[in-house]
Amino acid sequence: MFDQSNALLTLLGSNSPPVTGEMENYLRLKQILCRLESMQCPAARELTA
């Protein structure tokens, strides 16, 4: 693995597959450094604010 602080790209998505996982795998195959940042739905953000 690599140090995610040096990532060139931030991938915003959920931790559950399939789309985020497919994109993460594609970027890994192309050797593009990325960092996964989990997104919250707006309703969840309002509850935690």
C-alpha atoms as a PDB file:
ATOM      1  CA  MET A   1       0.000   0.000   0.000  1.00  0.00           C
ATOM      2  CA  PHE A   2       0.977   3.621  -0.208  1.00  0.00           C
ATOM      3  CA  ASP A   3       0.819   6.616   2.089  1.00  0.00           C
ATOM      4  CA  GLN A   4      -2.604   8.146   1.439  1.00  0.00           C
ATOM      5  CA  SER A   5      -1.408  11.614   2.463  1.00  0.00           C
ATOM      6  CA  ASN A   6       0.471  11.732  -0.886  1.00  0.00           C
ATOM      7  CA  ALA A   7      -2.661  10.883  -2.911  1.00  0.00           C
ATOM      8  CA  LEU A   8      -3.199  12.815  -6.132  1.00  0.00           C
ATOM      9  CA  LEU A   9      -6.953  12.286  -6.112  1.00  0.00           C
ATOM     10  CA  THR A  10      -9.672  12.226  -3.480  1.00  0.00           C
ATOM     11  CA  LEU A  11     -12.447   9.762  -4.269  1.00  0.00           C
ATOM     12  CA  LEU A  12     -15.711  10.786  -2.608  1.00  0.00           C
ATOM     13  CA  GLY A  13     -18.116   7.918  -2.103  1.00  0.00           C
ATOM     14  CA  SER A  14     -19.622   5.429   0.268  1.00  0.00           C
ATOM     15  CA  ASN A  15     -17.774   2.561   1.864  1.00  0.00           C
ATOM     16  CA  SER A  16     -20.187   0.060   0.349  1.00  0.00           C
ATOM     17  CA  PRO A  17     -19.766  -1.440  -3.115  1.00  0.00           C
ATOM     18  CA  PRO A  18     -20.389  -1.644  -6.016  1.00  0.00           C
ATOM     19  CA  VAL A  19     -19.683   1.712  -7.686  1.00  0.00           C
ATOM     20  CA  THR A  20     -17.134   3.141  -5.239  1.00  0.00           C
ATOM     21  CA  GLY A  21     -15.305  -0.190  -5.063  1.00  0.00           C
ATOM     22  CA  GLU A  22     -15.170  -0.495  -8.851  1.00  0.00           C
ATOM     23  CA  MET A  23     -13.787   3.023  -9.191  1.00  0.00           C
ATOM     24  CA  GLU A  24     -11.235   2.398  -6.445  1.00  0.00           C
ATOM     25  CA  ASN A  25     -10.101  -0.814  -8.176  1.00  0.00           C
ATOM     26  CA  TYR A  26      -9.852   0.930 -11.559  1.00  0.00           C
ATOM     27  CA  LEU A  27      -7.672   3.685 -10.106  1.00  0.00           C
ATOM     28  CA  ARG A  28      -5.504   1.097  -8.345  1.00  0.00           C
ATOM     29  CA  LEU A  29      -5.032  -0.844 -11.611  1.00  0.00           C
ATOM     30  CA  LYS A  30      -4.047   2.351 -13.413  1.00  0.00           C
ATOM     31  CA  GLN A  31      -1.669   3.101 -10.503  1.00  0.00           C
ATOM     32  CA  ILE A  32      -3.356   6.433  -9.768  1.00  0.00           C
ATOM     33  CA  LEU A  33      -2.873   7.380  -6.132  1.00  0.00           C
ATOM     34  CA  CYS A  34      -6.224   8.058  -4.517  1.00  0.00           C
ATOM     35  CA  ARG A  35      -7.713   8.527  -1.083  1.00  0.00           C
ATOM     36  CA  LEU A  36     -11.257   7.396  -0.284  1.00  0.00           C
ATOM     37  CA  GLU A  37     -13.267   9.967   1.634  1.00  0.00           C
ATOM     38  CA  SER A  38     -16.603   8.723   2.874  1.00  0.00           C
ATOM     39  CA  MET A  39     -19.613  10.885   2.084  1.00  0.00           C
ATOM     40  CA  GLN A  40     -22.633  11.332   4.298  1.00  0.00           C
ATOM     41  CA  CYS A  41     -26.120  12.011   3.044  1.00  0.00           C
ATOM     42  CA  PRO A  42     -27.418  15.526   3.872  1.00  0.00           C
ATOM     43  CA  ALA A  43     -29.915  14.194   6.437  1.00  0.00           C
ATOM     44  CA  ALA A  44     -27.135  12.453   8.372  1.00  0.00           C
ATOM     45  CA  ARG A  45     -25.028  15.635   8.370  1.00  0.00           C
ATOM     46  CA  GLU A  46     -27.942  17.630   9.833  1.00  0.00           C
ATOM     47  CA  LEU A  47     -28.349  15.112  12.663  1.00  0.00           C
ATOM     48  CA  THR A  48     -24.685  15.350  13.655  1.00  0.00           C
ATOM     49  CA  ALA A  49     -24.519  19.165  13.440  1.00  0.00           C
END
